[in-house]
PDB file of N, CA and C in Angstrom:
ATOM      1  N   MET A   1       0.842  -1.182   0.001  1.00  0.00           N
ATOM      2  CA  MET A   1       0.000   0.001  -0.003  1.00  0.00           C
ATOM      3  C   MET A   1       0.880   1.237   0.000  1.00  0.00           C
ATOM      4  N   ASN A   2       0.579   2.152  -0.879  1.00  0.00           N
ATOM      5  CA  ASN A   2       1.306   3.412  -0.965  1.00  0.00           C
ATOM      6  C   ASN A   2       0.577   4.460  -0.117  1.00  0.00           C
ATOM      7  N   PRO A   3       1.221   5.071   0.858  1.00  0.00           N
ATOM      8  CA  PRO A   3       0.558   6.027   1.745  1.00  0.00           C
ATOM      9  C   PRO A   3      -0.060   7.222   1.014  1.00  0.00           C
ATOM     10  N   SER A   4       0.413   7.532  -0.187  1.00  0.00           N
ATOM     11  CA  SER A   4      -0.144   8.691  -0.905  1.00  0.00           C
ATOM     12  C   SER A   4      -1.331   8.324  -1.785  1.00  0.00           C
ATOM     13  N   ASP A   5      -1.669   7.035  -1.862  1.00  0.00           N
ATOM     14  CA  ASP A   5      -2.807   6.576  -2.661  1.00  0.00           C
ATOM     15  C   ASP A   5      -3.989   6.250  -1.759  1.00  0.00           C
ATOM     16  N   ALA A   6      -5.176   6.427  -2.311  1.00  0.00           N
ATOM     17  CA  ALA A   6      -6.381   6.032  -1.588  1.00  0.00           C
ATOM     18  C   ALA A   6      -6.436   4.517  -1.505  1.00  0.00           C
ATOM     19  N   SER A   7      -6.972   4.011  -0.421  1.00  0.00           N
ATOM     20  CA  SER A   7      -7.088   2.555  -0.285  1.00  0.00           C
ATOM     21  C   SER A   7      -8.132   2.032  -1.267  1.00  0.00           C
ATOM     22  N   ARG A   8      -7.959   0.800  -1.704  1.00  0.00           N
ATOM     23  CA  ARG A   8      -8.926   0.184  -2.623  1.00  0.00           C
ATOM     24  C   ARG A   8     -10.291   0.068  -1.956  1.00  0.00           C
ATOM     25  N   THR A   9     -10.299  -0.172  -0.667  1.00  0.00           N
ATOM     26  CA  THR A   9     -11.564  -0.266   0.056  1.00  0.00           C
ATOM     27  C   THR A   9     -12.296   1.066   0.032  1.00  0.00           C
ATOM     28  N   ALA A  10     -11.577   2.144   0.261  1.00  0.00           N
ATOM     29  CA  ALA A  10     -12.193   3.478   0.248  1.00  0.00           C
ATOM     30  C   ALA A  10     -12.717   3.832  -1.143  1.00  0.00           C
ATOM     31  N   VAL A  11     -11.956   3.507  -2.176  1.00  0.00           N
ATOM     32  CA  VAL A  11     -12.379   3.800  -3.547  1.00  0.00           C
ATOM     33  C   VAL A  11     -13.630   3.001  -3.889  1.00  0.00           C
ATOM     34  N   ALA A  12     -13.623   1.708  -3.592  1.00  0.00           N
ATOM     35  CA  ALA A  12     -14.781   0.866  -3.897  1.00  0.00           C
ATOM     36  C   ALA A  12     -16.021   1.329  -3.143  1.00  0.00           C
ATOM     37  N   THR A  13     -15.852   1.670  -1.881  1.00  0.00           N
ATOM     38  CA  THR A  13     -16.982   2.146  -1.085  1.00  0.00           C
ATOM     39  C   THR A  13     -17.531   3.439  -1.645  1.00  0.00           C
ATOM     40  N   SER A  14     -16.664   4.342  -2.011  1.00  0.00           N
ATOM     41  CA  SER A  14     -17.099   5.612  -2.588  1.00  0.00           C
ATOM     42  C   SER A  14     -17.870   5.395  -3.886  1.00  0.00           C
ATOM     43  N   LEU A  15     -17.367   4.517  -4.749  1.00  0.00           N
ATOM     44  CA  LEU A  15     -18.054   4.233  -6.013  1.00  0.00           C
ATOM     45  C   LEU A  15     -19.404   3.565  -5.790  1.00  0.00           C
ATOM     46  N   MET A  16     -19.478   2.634  -4.851  1.00  0.00           N
ATOM     47  CA  MET A  16     -20.753   1.961  -4.585  1.00  0.00           C
ATOM     48  C   MET A  16     -21.784   2.922  -4.006  1.00  0.00           C
ATOM     49  N   ARG A  17     -21.344   3.816  -3.125  1.00  0.00           N
ATOM     50  CA  ARG A  17     -22.282   4.793  -2.562  1.00  0.00           C
ATOM     51  C   ARG A  17     -22.767   5.762  -3.643  1.00  0.00           C
ATOM     52  N   ALA A  18     -21.860   6.162  -4.534  1.00  0.00           N
ATOM     53  CA  ALA A  18     -22.252   7.057  -5.631  1.00  0.00           C
ATOM     54  C   ALA A  18     -23.244   6.368  -6.558  1.00  0.00           C
ATOM     55  N   LEU A  19     -22.989   5.108  -6.882  1.00  0.00           N
ATOM     56  CA  LEU A  19     -23.904   4.353  -7.740  1.00  0.00           C
ATOM     57  C   LEU A  19     -25.271   4.235  -7.084  1.00  0.00           C
ATOM     58  N   HIS A  20     -25.305   3.945  -5.815  1.00  0.00           N
ATOM     59  CA  HIS A  20     -26.570   3.837  -5.092  1.00  0.00           C
ATOM     60  C   HIS A  20     -27.320   5.170  -5.130  1.00  0.00           C
ATOM     61  N   THR A  21     -26.609   6.264  -4.898  1.00  0.00           N
ATOM     62  CA  THR A  21     -27.245   7.579  -4.902  1.00  0.00           C
ATOM     63  C   THR A  21     -27.816   7.921  -6.279  1.00  0.00           C
ATOM     64  N   ARG A  22     -27.042   7.621  -7.325  1.00  0.00           N
ATOM     65  CA  ARG A  22     -27.473   7.946  -8.690  1.00  0.00           C
ATOM     66  C   ARG A  22     -28.463   6.959  -9.270  1.00  0.00           C
ATOM     67  N   GLY A  23     -28.317   5.673  -8.917  1.00  0.00           N
ATOM     68  CA  GLY A  23     -29.045   4.650  -9.636  1.00  0.00           C
ATOM     69  C   GLY A  23     -30.283   4.080  -8.983  1.00  0.00           C
ATOM     70  N   ASP A  24     -30.389   4.190  -7.685  1.00  0.00           N
ATOM     71  CA  ASP A  24     -31.541   3.619  -7.004  1.00  0.00           C
ATOM     72  C   ASP A  24     -32.717   4.582  -7.089  1.00  0.00           C
ATOM     73  N   PRO A  25     -33.911   4.089  -7.456  1.00  0.00           N
ATOM     74  CA  PRO A  25     -35.063   4.993  -7.548  1.00  0.00           C
ATOM     75  C   PRO A  25     -35.430   5.637  -6.214  1.00  0.00           C
ATOM     76  N   VAL A  26     -35.166   4.936  -5.114  1.00  0.00           N
ATOM     77  CA  VAL A  26     -35.419   5.478  -3.778  1.00  0.00           C
ATOM     78  C   VAL A  26     -34.180   5.212  -2.935  1.00  0.00           C
ATOM     79  N   PRO A  27     -33.136   6.033  -3.098  1.00  0.00           N
ATOM     80  CA  PRO A  27     -31.894   5.764  -2.370  1.00  0.00           C
ATOM     81  C   PRO A  27     -32.054   5.910  -0.863  1.00  0.00           C
ATOM     82  N   LEU A  28     -31.357   5.050  -0.136  1.00  0.00           N
ATOM     83  CA  LEU A  28     -31.376   5.128   1.326  1.00  0.00           C
ATOM     84  C   LEU A  28     -30.520   6.269   1.828  1.00  0.00           C
ATOM     85  N   LEU A  29     -29.563   6.694   1.013  1.00  0.00           N
ATOM     86  CA  LEU A  29     -28.713   7.817   1.390  1.00  0.00           C
ATOM     87  C   LEU A  29     -28.421   8.656   0.159  1.00  0.00           C
ATOM     88  N   ASN A  30     -28.109   9.903   0.403  1.00  0.00           N
ATOM     89  CA  ASN A  30     -27.726  10.814  -0.667  1.00  0.00           C
ATOM     90  C   ASN A  30     -26.271  11.191  -0.421  1.00  0.00           C
ATOM     91  N   ASP A  31     -25.386  10.659  -1.268  1.00  0.00           N
ATOM     92  CA  ASP A  31     -23.960  10.869  -1.076  1.00  0.00           C
ATOM     93  C   ASP A  31     -23.386  11.636  -2.271  1.00  0.00           C
ATOM     94  N   PRO A  32     -23.476  12.960  -2.262  1.00  0.00           N
ATOM     95  CA  PRO A  32     -22.958  13.726  -3.379  1.00  0.00           C
ATOM     96  C   PRO A  32     -21.431  13.684  -3.489  1.00  0.00           C
ATOM     97  N   TRP A  33     -20.761  13.192  -2.461  1.00  0.00           N
ATOM     98  CA  TRP A  33     -19.297  13.132  -2.481  1.00  0.00           C
ATOM     99  C   TRP A  33     -18.758  11.852  -3.094  1.00  0.00           C
ATOM    100  N   GLY A  34     -19.592  10.842  -3.252  1.00  0.00           N
ATOM    101  CA  GLY A  34     -19.142   9.557  -3.746  1.00  0.00           C
ATOM    102  C   GLY A  34     -18.334   9.644  -5.030  1.00  0.00           C
ATOM    103  N   ASP A  35     -18.859  10.349  -6.015  1.00  0.00           N
ATOM    104  CA  ASP A  35     -18.149  10.499  -7.287  1.00  0.00           C
ATOM    105  C   ASP A  35     -17.005  11.497  -7.196  1.00  0.00           C
ATOM    106  N   ARG A  36     -17.168  12.519  -6.408  1.00  0.00           N
ATOM    107  CA  ARG A  36     -16.163  13.587  -6.327  1.00  0.00           C
ATOM    108  C   ARG A  36     -14.852  13.145  -5.673  1.00  0.00           C
ATOM    109  N   LEU A  37     -14.932  12.160  -4.804  1.00  0.00           N
ATOM    110  CA  LEU A  37     -13.741  11.750  -4.059  1.00  0.00           C
ATOM    111  C   LEU A  37     -12.777  10.874  -4.859  1.00  0.00           C
ATOM    112  N   ILE A  38     -13.217  10.379  -6.004  1.00  0.00           N
ATOM    113  CA  ILE A  38     -12.367   9.505  -6.812  1.00  0.00           C
ATOM    114  C   ILE A  38     -11.555  10.355  -7.786  1.00  0.00           C
ATOM    115  N   PRO A  39     -10.233  10.369  -7.651  1.00  0.00           N
ATOM    116  CA  PRO A  39      -9.399  11.142  -8.571  1.00  0.00           C
ATOM    117  C   PRO A  39      -9.551  10.629 -10.007  1.00  0.00           C
ATOM    118  N   ASP A  40      -9.420  11.535 -10.968  1.00  0.00           N
ATOM    119  CA  ASP A  40      -9.558  11.161 -12.382  1.00  0.00           C
ATOM    120  C   ASP A  40      -8.602  10.036 -12.774  1.00  0.00           C
ATOM    121  N   ALA A  41      -7.376  10.080 -12.288  1.00  0.00           N
ATOM    122  CA  ALA A  41      -6.404   9.050 -12.644  1.00  0.00           C
ATOM    123  C   ALA A  41      -6.855   7.672 -12.152  1.00  0.00           C
ATOM    124  N   VAL A  42      -7.451   7.622 -10.978  1.00  0.00           N
ATOM    125  CA  VAL A  42      -7.942   6.362 -10.436  1.00  0.00           C
ATOM    126  C   VAL A  42      -9.139   5.889 -11.242  1.00  0.00           C
ATOM    127  N   ARG A  43     -10.034   6.809 -11.579  1.00  0.00           N
ATOM    128  CA  ARG A  43     -11.229   6.478 -12.373  1.00  0.00           C
ATOM    129  C   ARG A  43     -10.820   5.910 -13.734  1.00  0.00           C
ATOM    130  N   ILE A  44      -9.843   6.529 -14.382  1.00  0.00           N
ATOM    131  CA  ILE A  44      -9.368   6.057 -15.689  1.00  0.00           C
ATOM    132  C   ILE A  44      -8.765   4.661 -15.557  1.00  0.00           C
ATOM    133  N   ALA A  45      -7.946   4.449 -14.535  1.00  0.00           N
ATOM    134  CA  ALA A  45      -7.322   3.134 -14.328  1.00  0.00           C
ATOM    135  C   ALA A  45      -8.378   2.065 -14.067  1.00  0.00           C
ATOM    136  N   LEU A  46      -9.405   2.389 -13.297  1.00  0.00           N
ATOM    137  CA  LEU A  46     -10.463   1.421 -13.017  1.00  0.00           C
ATOM    138  C   LEU A  46     -11.267   1.103 -14.271  1.00  0.00           C
ATOM    139  N   ARG A  47     -11.532   2.122 -15.089  1.00  0.00           N
ATOM    140  CA  ARG A  47     -12.248   1.879 -16.353  1.00  0.00           C
ATOM    141  C   ARG A  47     -11.450   0.943 -17.251  1.00  0.00           C
ATOM    142  N   GLU A  48     -10.141   1.196 -17.354  1.00  0.00           N
ATOM    143  CA  GLU A  48      -9.292   0.351 -18.189  1.00  0.00           C
ATOM    144  C   GLU A  48      -9.298  -1.097 -17.676  1.00  0.00           C
ATOM    145  N   ARG A  49      -9.233  -1.226 -16.376  1.00  0.00           N
ATOM    146  CA  ARG A  49      -9.235  -2.573 -15.787  1.00  0.00           C
ATOM    147  C   ARG A  49     -10.568  -3.271 -16.041  1.00  0.00           C
ATOM    148  N   ALA A  50     -11.667  -2.532 -15.906  1.00  0.00           N
ATOM    149  CA  ALA A  50     -12.987  -3.118 -16.162  1.00  0.00           C
ATOM    150  C   ALA A  50     -13.133  -3.500 -17.628  1.00  0.00           C
ATOM    151  N   LEU A  51     -12.584  -2.693 -18.524  1.00  0.00           N
ATOM    152  CA  LEU A  51     -12.669  -3.003 -19.953  1.00  0.00           C
ATOM    153  C   LEU A  51     -11.922  -4.284 -20.301  1.00  0.00           C
ATOM    154  N   GLN A  52     -10.879  -4.599 -19.552  1.00  0.00           N
ATOM    155  CA  GLN A  52     -10.114  -5.817 -19.807  1.00  0.00           C
ATOM    156  C   GLN A  52     -10.959  -7.071 -19.582  1.00  0.00           C
ATOM    157  N   SER A  53     -11.991  -6.955 -18.769  1.00  0.00           N
ATOM    158  CA  SER A  53     -12.849  -8.113 -18.503  1.00  0.00           C
ATOM    159  C   SER A  53     -13.927  -8.305 -19.568  1.00  0.00           C
ATOM    160  N   VAL A  54     -14.038  -7.342 -20.496  1.00  0.00           N
ATOM    161  CA  VAL A  54     -15.030  -7.404 -21.562  1.00  0.00           C
ATOM    162  C   VAL A  54     -14.429  -8.137 -22.759  1.00  0.00           C
ATOM    163  N   ASP A  55     -15.236  -8.945 -23.415  1.00  0.00           N
ATOM    164  CA  ASP A  55     -14.786  -9.644 -24.613  1.00  0.00           C
ATOM    165  C   ASP A  55     -14.180  -8.646 -25.606  1.00  0.00           C
ATOM    166  N   ALA A  56     -13.058  -9.018 -26.206  1.00  0.00           N
ATOM    167  CA  ALA A  56     -12.319  -8.115 -27.101  1.00  0.00           C
ATOM    168  C   ALA A  56     -13.179  -7.591 -28.240  1.00  0.00           C
ATOM    169  N   SER A  57     -14.113  -8.387 -28.721  1.00  0.00           N
ATOM    170  CA  SER A  57     -14.959  -7.955 -29.838  1.00  0.00           C
ATOM    171  C   SER A  57     -15.945  -6.868 -29.438  1.00  0.00           C
ATOM    172  N   ARG A  58     -16.188  -6.702 -28.148  1.00  0.00           N
ATOM    173  CA  ARG A  58     -17.155  -5.697 -27.682  1.00  0.00           C
ATOM    174  C   ARG A  58     -16.501  -4.516 -26.980  1.00  0.00           C
ATOM    175  N   ARG A  59     -15.190  -4.515 -26.826  1.00  0.00           N
ATOM    176  CA  ARG A  59     -14.523  -3.455 -26.055  1.00  0.00           C
ATOM    177  C   ARG A  59     -14.795  -2.067 -26.596  1.00  0.00           C
ATOM    178  N   PHE A  60     -14.751  -1.898 -27.919  1.00  0.00           N
ATOM    179  CA  PHE A  60     -14.977  -0.562 -28.481  1.00  0.00           C
ATOM    180  C   PHE A  60     -16.389  -0.092 -28.175  1.00  0.00           C
ATOM    181  N   GLU A  61     -17.357  -0.988 -28.354  1.00  0.00           N
ATOM    182  CA  GLU A  61     -18.759  -0.654 -28.081  1.00  0.00           C
ATOM    183  C   GLU A  61     -18.948  -0.253 -26.627  1.00  0.00           C
ATOM    184  N   VAL A  62     -18.375  -1.038 -25.735  1.00  0.00           N
ATOM    185  CA  VAL A  62     -18.511  -0.782 -24.304  1.00  0.00           C
ATOM    186  C   VAL A  62     -17.729   0.466 -23.897  1.00  0.00           C
ATOM    187  N   ALA A  63     -16.587   0.685 -24.519  1.00  0.00           N
ATOM    188  CA  ALA A  63     -15.771   1.854 -24.176  1.00  0.00           C
ATOM    189  C   ALA A  63     -16.503   3.156 -24.465  1.00  0.00           C
ATOM    190  N   GLU A  64     -17.432   3.124 -25.401  1.00  0.00           N
ATOM    191  CA  GLU A  64     -18.229   4.322 -25.689  1.00  0.00           C
ATOM    192  C   GLU A  64     -19.072   4.732 -24.486  1.00  0.00           C
ATOM    193  N   ALA A  65     -19.401   3.805 -23.653  1.00  0.00           N
ATOM    194  CA  ALA A  65     -20.214   4.069 -22.468  1.00  0.00           C
ATOM    195  C   ALA A  65     -19.322   4.142 -21.231  1.00  0.00           C
ATOM    196  N   THR A  66     -18.283   4.947 -21.298  1.00  0.00           N
ATOM    197  CA  THR A  66     -17.293   4.976 -20.213  1.00  0.00           C
ATOM    198  C   THR A  66     -17.894   5.349 -18.866  1.00  0.00           C
ATOM    199  N   ASP A  67     -18.927   6.179 -18.851  1.00  0.00           N
ATOM    200  CA  ASP A  67     -19.526   6.551 -17.575  1.00  0.00           C
ATOM    201  C   ASP A  67     -20.248   5.381 -16.932  1.00  0.00           C
ATOM    202  N   LYS A  68     -20.649   4.406 -17.716  1.00  0.00           N
ATOM    203  CA  LYS A  68     -21.423   3.299 -17.183  1.00  0.00           C
ATOM    204  C   LYS A  68     -20.584   2.061 -16.881  1.00  0.00           C
ATOM    205  N   ILE A  69     -19.366   2.019 -17.384  1.00  0.00           N
ATOM    206  CA  ILE A  69     -18.552   0.810 -17.187  1.00  0.00           C
ATOM    207  C   ILE A  69     -18.240   0.580 -15.707  1.00  0.00           C
ATOM    208  N   LEU A  70     -17.974   1.644 -14.966  1.00  0.00           N
ATOM    209  CA  LEU A  70     -17.706   1.471 -13.532  1.00  0.00           C
ATOM    210  C   LEU A  70     -18.979   1.097 -12.782  1.00  0.00           C
ATOM    211  N   ASP A  71     -20.104   1.685 -13.185  1.00  0.00           N
ATOM    212  CA  ASP A  71     -21.371   1.318 -12.552  1.00  0.00           C
ATOM    213  C   ASP A  71     -21.659  -0.163 -12.766  1.00  0.00           C
ATOM    214  N   ALA A  72     -21.427  -0.630 -13.978  1.00  0.00           N
ATOM    215  CA  ALA A  72     -21.677  -2.041 -14.282  1.00  0.00           C
ATOM    216  C   ALA A  72     -20.750  -2.936 -13.473  1.00  0.00           C
ATOM    217  N   ALA A  73     -19.530  -2.497 -13.269  1.00  0.00           N
ATOM    218  CA  ALA A  73     -18.579  -3.291 -12.497  1.00  0.00           C
ATOM    219  C   ALA A  73     -18.953  -3.329 -11.020  1.00  0.00           C
ATOM    220  N   CYS A  74     -19.542  -2.261 -10.515  1.00  0.00           N
ATOM    221  CA  CYS A  74     -19.899  -2.191  -9.094  1.00  0.00           C
ATOM    222  C   CYS A  74     -21.266  -2.794  -8.797  1.00  0.00           C
ATOM    223  N   ALA A  75     -22.168  -2.756  -9.752  1.00  0.00           N
ATOM    224  CA  ALA A  75     -23.559  -3.144  -9.517  1.00  0.00           C
ATOM    225  C   ALA A  75     -23.733  -4.535  -8.909  1.00  0.00           C
ATOM    226  N   PRO A  76     -23.029  -5.564  -9.372  1.00  0.00           N
ATOM    227  CA  PRO A  76     -23.270  -6.889  -8.797  1.00  0.00           C
ATOM    228  C   PRO A  76     -22.927  -6.983  -7.317  1.00  0.00           C
ATOM    229  N   THR A  77     -22.154  -6.056  -6.805  1.00  0.00           N
ATOM    230  CA  THR A  77     -21.758  -6.133  -5.391  1.00  0.00           C
ATOM    231  C   THR A  77     -22.731  -5.415  -4.477  1.00  0.00           C
ATOM    232  N   LEU A  78     -23.720  -4.718  -5.023  1.00  0.00           N
ATOM    233  CA  LEU A  78     -24.657  -3.980  -4.188  1.00  0.00           C
ATOM    234  C   LEU A  78     -25.795  -4.870  -3.724  1.00  0.00           C
ATOM    235  N   HIS A  79     -25.923  -4.974  -2.410  1.00  0.00           N
ATOM    236  CA  HIS A  79     -27.011  -5.737  -1.822  1.00  0.00           C
ATOM    237  C   HIS A  79     -27.553  -4.898  -0.663  1.00  0.00           C
ATOM    238  N   MET A  80     -28.220  -3.820  -1.017  1.00  0.00           N
ATOM    239  CA  MET A  80     -28.641  -2.855  -0.014  1.00  0.00           C
ATOM    240  C   MET A  80     -29.961  -3.235   0.657  1.00  0.00           C
ATOM    241  N   ARG A  81     -30.827  -3.921  -0.062  1.00  0.00           N
ATOM    242  CA  ARG A  81     -32.149  -4.202   0.461  1.00  0.00           C
ATOM    243  C   ARG A  81     -32.502  -5.656   0.272  1.00  0.00           C
ATOM    244  N   THR A  82     -33.464  -6.128   1.057  1.00  0.00           N
ATOM    245  CA  THR A  82     -33.944  -7.501   0.885  1.00  0.00           C
ATOM    246  C   THR A  82     -35.340  -7.482   0.318  1.00  0.00           C
TER     247      THR A  82
END
């Protein structure tokens, strides 16, 4: 862990809270800082990493939706309600 970098746990939590705030029709919390706390360099690196998991034939298509690639990567981990 590099002391000058945000922890992966903090980044993931921030992204999940932002997704919940933006994507849930009735969010349990309103976290306007979720997206703001992620530095652009980290966001770009995460998008690139998420794109690597996409089939090569669809990468260009998916890359066009760069704002949604992180949401799609985080969505399966959200289990806010029963």
